[in-house]
Amino acid sequence: MMRSCIIVDDEKSARESLGFHLVKHFADKIKVEASVGSVKEAVEVINLLHPDLVFLDIEMPIENGFKLFDYFENLDFEVVFVTAYEQYGIKAVKYSALDYLLKPINYIDISDVLNRLELRLSNKVGRRLQFDTLFYNLKNGLDNNPKIAFPTLDGFEMVKLNSIVYCQADGNYTMIRREVGEPIMVSKTLKIIEEVLPTDQFYRIHKSTLINVEFVRTFKKVDGLKVVMENGDELDVAVRRSEEFVKILTRGREIEGD
């Protein structure tokens, strides 16, 4: 199905580069309806053309890309954030499970984005939760227990980062165990989940298990290597990961066993 899009970027060369890739490689999938250089122009064009997708630069003068959403009560378009800097804004976008492209853009990344777009367009409820997560994190800051939007079979579920006890692989899915509430089955692999979660707080103790080190109660070295979490769950620790794991836990933590 042919989709329509607009490009929003204050740099003319960036707009032309992205437009070139879309026309050359994806003319059968998406049509560029307009290309503008500011949030103000974007609002006018969106209201006029009602595109399916907006490629939105984050760093722009006068109003940055996030300001676009102040002008819309209901979001009836998809957004792909575009930026040259993998910094605060992109981290907030990642936590929201929203799409982004890093400059310089290549057609392979665009192809991945467009494939995911088709899967999401039918799930407007999930999309709303994604943006709610983004706005929550931008407002409250990423150092103040940010929320993460986890994709589920029914849409998305918003989870506070500091409530995650551990994540466990289940084939192409991942089970998220929280401090309170039932586990969540997420339709992403553990590897993808690991890429989103902060490395200073979450550690991969086993090929199938990623834990929040703040919830470790005890590390046991008797009858195999195991860690006991604050909720009482006992999890295996891979031998090859144990040395580094011990270094993390000995920072003020007690070690049981010999």
C-alpha atoms as a PDB file:
ATOM      1  CA  MET A   1       0.000   0.000   0.000  1.00  0.00           C
ATOM      2  CA  MET A   2       1.329   3.443  -0.946  1.00  0.00           C
ATOM      3  CA  ARG A   3       1.899   5.756   2.033  1.00  0.00           C
ATOM      4  CA  SER A   4       2.353   9.523   2.079  1.00  0.00           C
ATOM      5  CA  CYS A   5       4.981  11.417   4.034  1.00  0.00           C
ATOM      6  CA  ILE A   6       6.447  14.843   4.676  1.00  0.00           C
ATOM      7  CA  ILE A   7      10.022  15.730   5.642  1.00  0.00           C
ATOM      8  CA  VAL A   8      10.709  18.313   8.363  1.00  0.00           C
ATOM      9  CA  ASP A   9      14.299  19.514   8.734  1.00  0.00           C
ATOM     10  CA  ASP A  10      15.817  22.991   8.963  1.00  0.00           C
ATOM     11  CA  GLU A  11      18.763  21.900   6.787  1.00  0.00           C
ATOM     12  CA  LYS A  12      17.917  21.928   3.090  1.00  0.00           C
ATOM     13  CA  SER A  13      20.679  19.442   2.265  1.00  0.00           C
ATOM     14  CA  ALA A  14      19.309  16.982   4.836  1.00  0.00           C
ATOM     15  CA  ARG A  15      15.795  17.257   3.385  1.00  0.00           C
ATOM     16  CA  GLU A  16      17.131  16.683  -0.119  1.00  0.00           C
ATOM     17  CA  SER A  17      19.242  13.696   0.935  1.00  0.00           C
ATOM     18  CA  LEU A  18      16.347  11.912   2.641  1.00  0.00           C
ATOM     19  CA  GLY A  19      14.014  12.760  -0.234  1.00  0.00           C
ATOM     20  CA  PHE A  20      16.534  11.337  -2.699  1.00  0.00           C
ATOM     21  CA  HIS A  21      16.682   7.994  -0.864  1.00  0.00           C
ATOM     22  CA  LEU A  22      12.904   7.766  -0.616  1.00  0.00           C
ATOM     23  CA  VAL A  23      12.384   8.461  -4.318  1.00  0.00           C
ATOM     24  CA  LYS A  24      15.226   6.253  -5.520  1.00  0.00           C
ATOM     25  CA  HIS A  25      14.661   3.199  -3.335  1.00  0.00           C
ATOM     26  CA  PHE A  26      11.081   3.328  -2.045  1.00  0.00           C
ATOM     27  CA  ALA A  27       8.957   5.014  -4.719  1.00  0.00           C
ATOM     28  CA  ASP A  28       6.636   1.991  -4.712  1.00  0.00           C
ATOM     29  CA  LYS A  29       5.992   2.282  -0.968  1.00  0.00           C
ATOM     30  CA  ILE A  30       5.950   5.940  -0.045  1.00  0.00           C
ATOM     31  CA  LYS A  31       5.376   9.323  -1.672  1.00  0.00           C
ATOM     32  CA  VAL A  32       6.964  12.550  -0.452  1.00  0.00           C
ATOM     33  CA  GLU A  33       4.140  15.091  -0.382  1.00  0.00           C
ATOM     34  CA  ALA A  34       6.109  18.033   1.025  1.00  0.00           C
ATOM     35  CA  SER A  35       9.458  19.068   2.482  1.00  0.00           C
ATOM     36  CA  VAL A  36       9.603  21.931   5.001  1.00  0.00           C
ATOM     37  CA  GLY A  37      12.158  23.595   7.253  1.00  0.00           C
ATOM     38  CA  SER A  38      10.350  24.356  10.527  1.00  0.00           C
ATOM     39  CA  VAL A  39       7.763  23.131  13.004  1.00  0.00           C
ATOM     40  CA  LYS A  40       5.449  25.990  12.071  1.00  0.00           C
ATOM     41  CA  GLU A  41       5.481  24.973   8.399  1.00  0.00           C
ATOM     42  CA  ALA A  42       5.074  21.327   9.375  1.00  0.00           C
ATOM     43  CA  VAL A  43       1.877  22.065  11.315  1.00  0.00           C
ATOM     44  CA  GLU A  44       0.363  23.825   8.315  1.00  0.00           C
ATOM     45  CA  VAL A  45       1.310  21.041   5.906  1.00  0.00           C
ATOM     46  CA  ILE A  46       0.116  18.251   8.217  1.00  0.00           C
ATOM     47  CA  ASN A  47      -3.275  19.929   8.640  1.00  0.00           C
ATOM     48  CA  LEU A  48      -3.529  20.368   4.886  1.00  0.00           C
ATOM     49  CA  LEU A  49      -2.215  17.037   3.562  1.00  0.00           C
ATOM     50  CA  HIS A  50      -2.809  14.595   6.465  1.00  0.00           C
ATOM     51  CA  PRO A  51       0.293  12.451   5.765  1.00  0.00           C
ATOM     52  CA  ASP A  52       0.690   8.912   7.033  1.00  0.00           C
ATOM     53  CA  LEU A  53       4.246   9.575   8.158  1.00  0.00           C
ATOM     54  CA  VAL A  54       6.364  12.553   9.259  1.00  0.00           C
ATOM     55  CA  PHE A  55      10.162  12.413   9.149  1.00  0.00           C
ATOM     56  CA  LEU A  56      10.953  14.897  11.911  1.00  0.00           C
ATOM     57  CA  ASP A  57      14.319  16.442  12.725  1.00  0.00           C
ATOM     58  CA  ILE A  58      14.818  16.951  16.467  1.00  0.00           C
ATOM     59  CA  GLU A  59      17.423  19.725  16.597  1.00  0.00           C
ATOM     60  CA  MET A  60      15.943  22.777  14.894  1.00  0.00           C
ATOM     61  CA  PRO A  61      16.129  26.509  15.756  1.00  0.00           C
ATOM     62  CA  ILE A  62      13.155  28.396  17.255  1.00  0.00           C
ATOM     63  CA  GLU A  63      11.200  25.177  17.980  1.00  0.00           C
ATOM     64  CA  ASN A  64      12.748  21.730  18.190  1.00  0.00           C
ATOM     65  CA  GLY A  65      11.004  18.694  16.755  1.00  0.00           C
ATOM     66  CA  PHE A  66       9.319  17.696  20.017  1.00  0.00           C
ATOM     67  CA  LYS A  67       7.384  20.976  19.975  1.00  0.00           C
ATOM     68  CA  LEU A  68       5.396  19.711  16.984  1.00  0.00           C
ATOM     69  CA  PHE A  69       3.166  17.686  19.270  1.00  0.00           C
ATOM     70  CA  ASP A  70       2.029  20.741  21.210  1.00  0.00           C
ATOM     71  CA  TYR A  71      -0.073  21.636  18.167  1.00  0.00           C
ATOM     72  CA  PHE A  72      -1.999  18.349  17.925  1.00  0.00           C
ATOM     73  CA  GLU A  73      -4.499  16.959  20.402  1.00  0.00           C
ATOM     74  CA  ASN A  74      -4.934  13.782  18.384  1.00  0.00           C
ATOM     75  CA  LEU A  75      -2.055  12.164  16.520  1.00  0.00           C
ATOM     76  CA  ASP A  76      -3.270  10.557  13.310  1.00  0.00           C
ATOM     77  CA  PHE A  77       0.186  10.244  11.747  1.00  0.00           C
ATOM     78  CA  GLU A  78       3.300   8.187  12.394  1.00  0.00           C
ATOM     79  CA  VAL A  79       6.608   9.864  13.243  1.00  0.00           C
ATOM     80  CA  VAL A  80      10.212   8.929  12.561  1.00  0.00           C
ATOM     81  CA  PHE A  81      12.624  11.171  14.448  1.00  0.00           C
ATOM     82  CA  VAL A  82      15.759  12.203  12.575  1.00  0.00           C
ATOM     83  CA  THR A  83      18.909  13.487  14.251  1.00  0.00           C
ATOM     84  CA  ALA A  84      22.668  13.714  13.914  1.00  0.00           C
ATOM     85  CA  TYR A  85      23.191  13.307  17.659  1.00  0.00           C
ATOM     86  CA  GLU A  86      22.606  10.186  19.719  1.00  0.00           C
ATOM     87  CA  GLN A  87      21.959  12.028  22.957  1.00  0.00           C
ATOM     88  CA  TYR A  88      19.168  12.785  25.439  1.00  0.00           C
ATOM     89  CA  GLY A  89      16.369  13.137  22.910  1.00  0.00           C
ATOM     90  CA  ILE A  90      17.158   9.848  21.188  1.00  0.00           C
ATOM     91  CA  LYS A  91      17.302   8.040  24.516  1.00  0.00           C
ATOM     92  CA  ALA A  92      13.788   9.277  25.273  1.00  0.00           C
ATOM     93  CA  VAL A  93      12.676   8.107  21.829  1.00  0.00           C
ATOM     94  CA  LYS A  94      14.235   4.675  22.426  1.00  0.00           C
ATOM     95  CA  TYR A  95      12.438   4.312  25.758  1.00  0.00           C
ATOM     96  CA  SER A  96       9.198   5.080  23.938  1.00  0.00           C
ATOM     97  CA  ALA A  97       9.829   2.366  21.314  1.00  0.00           C
ATOM     98  CA  LEU A  98       9.416   4.995  18.596  1.00  0.00           C
ATOM     99  CA  ASP A  99      11.426   4.968  15.383  1.00  0.00           C
ATOM    100  CA  TYR A 100      14.399   7.172  14.640  1.00  0.00           C
ATOM    101  CA  LEU A 101      17.099   7.619  11.999  1.00  0.00           C
ATOM    102  CA  LEU A 102      20.626   8.777  12.704  1.00  0.00           C
ATOM    103  CA  LYS A 103      22.306  11.042  10.164  1.00  0.00           C
ATOM    104  CA  PRO A 104      23.906  10.390   7.755  1.00  0.00           C
ATOM    105  CA  ILE A 105      20.882   8.363   6.681  1.00  0.00           C
ATOM    106  CA  ASN A 106      21.180   5.244   4.541  1.00  0.00           C
ATOM    107  CA  TYR A 107      18.503   3.360   2.642  1.00  0.00           C
ATOM    108  CA  ILE A 108      18.893   0.172   4.733  1.00  0.00           C
ATOM    109  CA  ASP A 109      17.809   1.998   7.895  1.00  0.00           C
ATOM    110  CA  ILE A 110      14.925   3.588   5.994  1.00  0.00           C
ATOM    111  CA  SER A 111      13.828   0.160   4.766  1.00  0.00           C
ATOM    112  CA  ASP A 112      13.713  -1.158   8.335  1.00  0.00           C
ATOM    113  CA  VAL A 113      11.664   1.858   9.439  1.00  0.00           C
ATOM    114  CA  LEU A 114       9.128   1.468   6.631  1.00  0.00           C
ATOM    115  CA  ASN A 115       8.708  -2.237   7.359  1.00  0.00           C
ATOM    116  CA  ARG A 116       7.946  -1.484  10.998  1.00  0.00           C
ATOM    117  CA  LEU A 117       5.588   1.286   9.925  1.00  0.00           C
ATOM    118  CA  GLU A 118       3.277  -1.159   8.168  1.00  0.00           C
ATOM    119  CA  LEU A 119       3.084  -3.292  11.300  1.00  0.00           C
ATOM    120  CA  ARG A 120       2.157  -0.334  13.503  1.00  0.00           C
ATOM    121  CA  LEU A 121      -0.348   1.596  11.424  1.00  0.00           C
ATOM    122  CA  SER A 122      -3.228  -0.617  12.521  1.00  0.00           C
ATOM    123  CA  ASN A 123      -2.496  -0.116  16.231  1.00  0.00           C
ATOM    124  CA  LYS A 124      -3.423   3.475  17.097  1.00  0.00           C
ATOM    125  CA  VAL A 125      -3.966   2.677  20.794  1.00  0.00           C
ATOM    126  CA  GLY A 126      -0.419   1.409  21.096  1.00  0.00           C
ATOM    127  CA  ARG A 127       0.889   4.464  19.276  1.00  0.00           C
ATOM    128  CA  ARG A 128      -0.817   6.778  21.779  1.00  0.00           C
ATOM    129  CA  LEU A 129       0.867   4.978  24.673  1.00  0.00           C
ATOM    130  CA  GLN A 130       4.223   5.314  22.942  1.00  0.00           C
ATOM    131  CA  PHE A 131       3.854   9.076  22.706  1.00  0.00           C
ATOM    132  CA  ASP A 132       2.550   9.268  26.269  1.00  0.00           C
ATOM    133  CA  THR A 133       5.770   7.559  27.349  1.00  0.00           C
ATOM    134  CA  LEU A 134       7.878   9.967  25.320  1.00  0.00           C
ATOM    135  CA  PHE A 135       6.172  13.058  26.742  1.00  0.00           C
ATOM    136  CA  TYR A 136       6.380  11.694  30.299  1.00  0.00           C
ATOM    137  CA  ASN A 137      10.133  11.171  29.960  1.00  0.00           C
ATOM    138  CA  LEU A 138      10.760  14.538  28.328  1.00  0.00           C
ATOM    139  CA  LYS A 139       8.799  16.280  31.075  1.00  0.00           C
ATOM    140  CA  ASN A 140      10.179  14.398  34.069  1.00  0.00           C
ATOM    141  CA  GLY A 141      13.715  13.719  32.881  1.00  0.00           C
ATOM    142  CA  LEU A 142      15.494  10.450  32.246  1.00  0.00           C
ATOM    143  CA  ASP A 143      17.197  10.496  35.655  1.00  0.00           C
ATOM    144  CA  ASN A 144      13.867  10.380  37.487  1.00  0.00           C
ATOM    145  CA  ASN A 145      12.687   6.792  36.988  1.00  0.00           C
ATOM    146  CA  PRO A 146      11.719   7.050  33.303  1.00  0.00           C
ATOM    147  CA  LYS A 147       9.029   4.910  31.718  1.00  0.00           C
ATOM    148  CA  ILE A 148       9.671   2.435  28.916  1.00  0.00           C
ATOM    149  CA  ALA A 149       7.067   1.377  26.344  1.00  0.00           C
ATOM    150  CA  PHE A 150       7.290  -2.370  25.857  1.00  0.00           C
ATOM    151  CA  PRO A 151       5.529  -3.827  22.789  1.00  0.00           C
ATOM    152  CA  THR A 152       3.123  -6.651  23.613  1.00  0.00           C
ATOM    153  CA  LEU A 153       0.778  -8.726  21.489  1.00  0.00           C
ATOM    154  CA  ASP A 154      -2.042  -6.309  22.393  1.00  0.00           C
ATOM    155  CA  GLY A 155      -0.177  -3.045  21.882  1.00  0.00           C
ATOM    156  CA  PHE A 156       2.248  -1.422  24.321  1.00  0.00           C
ATOM    157  CA  GLU A 157       2.640  -1.384  28.081  1.00  0.00           C
ATOM    158  CA  MET A 158       4.326   1.476  29.924  1.00  0.00           C
ATOM    159  CA  VAL A 159       6.666   0.334  32.699  1.00  0.00           C
ATOM    160  CA  LYS A 160       8.802   2.425  35.051  1.00  0.00           C
ATOM    161  CA  LEU A 161      12.446   1.519  34.637  1.00  0.00           C
ATOM    162  CA  ASN A 162      13.161   1.110  38.344  1.00  0.00           C
ATOM    163  CA  SER A 163      10.294  -1.353  38.757  1.00  0.00           C
ATOM    164  CA  ILE A 164      11.892  -3.972  36.476  1.00  0.00           C
ATOM    165  CA  VAL A 165      13.423  -6.809  38.515  1.00  0.00           C
ATOM    166  CA  TYR A 166      14.672  -8.907  35.604  1.00  0.00           C
ATOM    167  CA  CYS A 167      14.033  -9.874  31.995  1.00  0.00           C
ATOM    168  CA  GLN A 168      14.093 -13.456  30.752  1.00  0.00           C
ATOM    169  CA  ALA A 169      14.228 -14.769  27.193  1.00  0.00           C
ATOM    170  CA  ASP A 170      11.358 -16.908  25.904  1.00  0.00           C
ATOM    171  CA  GLY A 171      12.197 -17.683  22.277  1.00  0.00           C
ATOM    172  CA  ASN A 172      11.524 -14.536  20.240  1.00  0.00           C
ATOM    173  CA  TYR A 173       9.758 -13.012  23.232  1.00  0.00           C
ATOM    174  CA  THR A 174      10.932 -11.656  26.583  1.00  0.00           C
ATOM    175  CA  MET A 175       9.240 -11.940  29.949  1.00  0.00           C
ATOM    176  CA  ILE A 176       9.521  -8.773  32.047  1.00  0.00           C
ATOM    177  CA  ARG A 177       9.253  -9.429  35.796  1.00  0.00           C
ATOM    178  CA  ARG A 178       8.273  -6.326  37.751  1.00  0.00           C
ATOM    179  CA  GLU A 179       8.521  -5.492  41.448  1.00  0.00           C
ATOM    180  CA  VAL A 180       4.719  -5.388  41.641  1.00  0.00           C
ATOM    181  CA  GLY A 181       2.180  -6.901  39.270  1.00  0.00           C
ATOM    182  CA  GLU A 182       2.016  -9.776  36.842  1.00  0.00           C
ATOM    183  CA  PRO A 183       4.876 -10.443  34.404  1.00  0.00           C
ATOM    184  CA  ILE A 184       4.634  -8.881  30.948  1.00  0.00           C
ATOM    185  CA  MET A 185       5.325 -10.891  27.805  1.00  0.00           C
ATOM    186  CA  VAL A 186       7.085  -8.570  25.368  1.00  0.00           C
ATOM    187  CA  SER A 187       7.209  -9.244  21.635  1.00  0.00           C
ATOM    188  CA  LYS A 188      10.934  -8.474  21.368  1.00  0.00           C
ATOM    189  CA  THR A 189      14.017 -10.628  21.889  1.00  0.00           C
ATOM    190  CA  LEU A 190      16.132 -10.228  25.009  1.00  0.00           C
ATOM    191  CA  LYS A 191      18.959  -8.865  22.871  1.00  0.00           C
ATOM    192  CA  ILE A 192      16.789  -5.966  21.710  1.00  0.00           C
ATOM    193  CA  ILE A 193      15.556  -5.301  25.236  1.00  0.00           C
ATOM    194  CA  GLU A 194      19.155  -5.270  26.471  1.00  0.00           C
ATOM    195  CA  GLU A 195      20.068  -2.592  23.919  1.00  0.00           C
ATOM    196  CA  VAL A 196      17.385  -0.279  25.321  1.00  0.00           C
ATOM    197  CA  LEU A 197      18.000  -0.706  29.043  1.00  0.00           C
ATOM    198  CA  PRO A 198      20.865   1.241  30.702  1.00  0.00           C
ATOM    199  CA  THR A 199      24.048  -0.808  31.096  1.00  0.00           C
ATOM    200  CA  ASP A 200      24.921   0.762  34.454  1.00  0.00           C
ATOM    201  CA  GLN A 201      21.768  -0.724  35.983  1.00  0.00           C
ATOM    202  CA  PHE A 202      21.091  -3.929  34.049  1.00  0.00           C
ATOM    203  CA  TYR A 203      23.514  -6.828  33.638  1.00  0.00           C
ATOM    204  CA  ARG A 204      23.284  -9.994  31.514  1.00  0.00           C
ATOM    205  CA  ILE A 205      24.051 -12.803  33.981  1.00  0.00           C
ATOM    206  CA  HIS A 206      23.129 -15.562  31.527  1.00  0.00           C
ATOM    207  CA  LYS A 207      22.321 -15.858  27.843  1.00  0.00           C
ATOM    208  CA  SER A 208      18.659 -15.966  28.799  1.00  0.00           C
ATOM    209  CA  THR A 209      18.557 -13.545  31.732  1.00  0.00           C
ATOM    210  CA  LEU A 210      19.100  -9.818  32.197  1.00  0.00           C
ATOM    211  CA  ILE A 211      18.774  -8.501  35.743  1.00  0.00           C
ATOM    212  CA  ASN A 212      18.395  -5.162  37.485  1.00  0.00           C
ATOM    213  CA  VAL A 213      21.381  -5.204  39.851  1.00  0.00           C
ATOM    214  CA  GLU A 214      19.495  -2.969  42.281  1.00  0.00           C
ATOM    215  CA  PHE A 215      17.185  -5.898  43.068  1.00  0.00           C
ATOM    216  CA  VAL A 216      19.918  -8.444  43.872  1.00  0.00           C
ATOM    217  CA  ARG A 217      19.577  -9.845  47.383  1.00  0.00           C
ATOM    218  CA  THR A 218      22.296 -12.512  47.359  1.00  0.00           C
ATOM    219  CA  PHE A 219      24.855 -14.116  45.058  1.00  0.00           C
ATOM    220  CA  LYS A 220      25.391 -17.789  45.956  1.00  0.00           C
ATOM    221  CA  LYS A 221      28.403 -19.852  44.917  1.00  0.00           C
ATOM    222  CA  VAL A 222      27.174 -23.160  46.355  1.00  0.00           C
ATOM    223  CA  ASP A 223      25.642 -25.869  44.114  1.00  0.00           C
ATOM    224  CA  GLY A 224      26.301 -23.772  41.054  1.00  0.00           C
ATOM    225  CA  LEU A 225      26.295 -20.029  40.598  1.00  0.00           C
ATOM    226  CA  LYS A 226      22.979 -18.399  41.394  1.00  0.00           C
ATOM    227  CA  VAL A 227      21.574 -15.016  42.271  1.00  0.00           C
ATOM    228  CA  VAL A 228      18.577 -14.479  44.524  1.00  0.00           C
ATOM    229  CA  MET A 229      16.496 -11.411  43.703  1.00  0.00           C
ATOM    230  CA  GLU A 230      14.530  -9.303  46.196  1.00  0.00           C
ATOM    231  CA  ASN A 231      11.290 -11.008  45.118  1.00  0.00           C
ATOM    232  CA  GLY A 232      12.773 -14.407  46.062  1.00  0.00           C
ATOM    233  CA  ASP A 233      13.354 -15.669  42.514  1.00  0.00           C
ATOM    234  CA  GLU A 234      16.570 -17.647  42.084  1.00  0.00           C
ATOM    235  CA  LEU A 235      18.360 -17.287  38.753  1.00  0.00           C
ATOM    236  CA  ASP A 236      21.368 -19.043  37.217  1.00  0.00           C
ATOM    237  CA  VAL A 237      24.578 -17.126  36.569  1.00  0.00           C
ATOM    238  CA  ALA A 238      26.801 -18.232  33.682  1.00  0.00           C
ATOM    239  CA  VAL A 239      30.352 -19.117  34.753  1.00  0.00           C
ATOM    240  CA  ARG A 240      31.923 -16.949  32.070  1.00  0.00           C
ATOM    241  CA  ARG A 241      30.011 -13.933  33.369  1.00  0.00           C
ATOM    242  CA  SER A 242      30.597 -14.557  37.053  1.00  0.00           C
ATOM    243  CA  GLU A 243      33.940 -12.742  37.476  1.00  0.00           C
ATOM    244  CA  GLU A 244      32.640  -9.446  36.140  1.00  0.00           C
ATOM    245  CA  PHE A 245      29.369  -9.936  37.996  1.00  0.00           C
ATOM    246  CA  VAL A 246      31.172 -10.422  41.314  1.00  0.00           C
ATOM    247  CA  LYS A 247      33.037  -7.135  40.770  1.00  0.00           C
ATOM    248  CA  ILE A 248      29.703  -5.387  40.384  1.00  0.00           C
ATOM    249  CA  LEU A 249      28.119  -7.008  43.426  1.00  0.00           C
ATOM    250  CA  THR A 250      31.067  -6.578  45.807  1.00  0.00           C
ATOM    251  CA  ARG A 251      30.518  -2.855  45.749  1.00  0.00           C
ATOM    252  CA  GLY A 252      28.912  -2.926  49.163  1.00  0.00           C
ATOM    253  CA  ARG A 253      27.159  -6.299  48.730  1.00  0.00           C
ATOM    254  CA  GLU A 254      27.617  -9.527  50.666  1.00  0.00           C
ATOM    255  CA  ILE A 255      28.795 -12.728  48.929  1.00  0.00           C
ATOM    256  CA  GLU A 256      27.545 -16.100  50.203  1.00  0.00           C
ATOM    257  CA  GLY A 257      29.493 -19.303  49.697  1.00  0.00           C
ATOM    258  CA  ASP A 258      33.148 -20.026  48.934  1.00  0.00           C
END
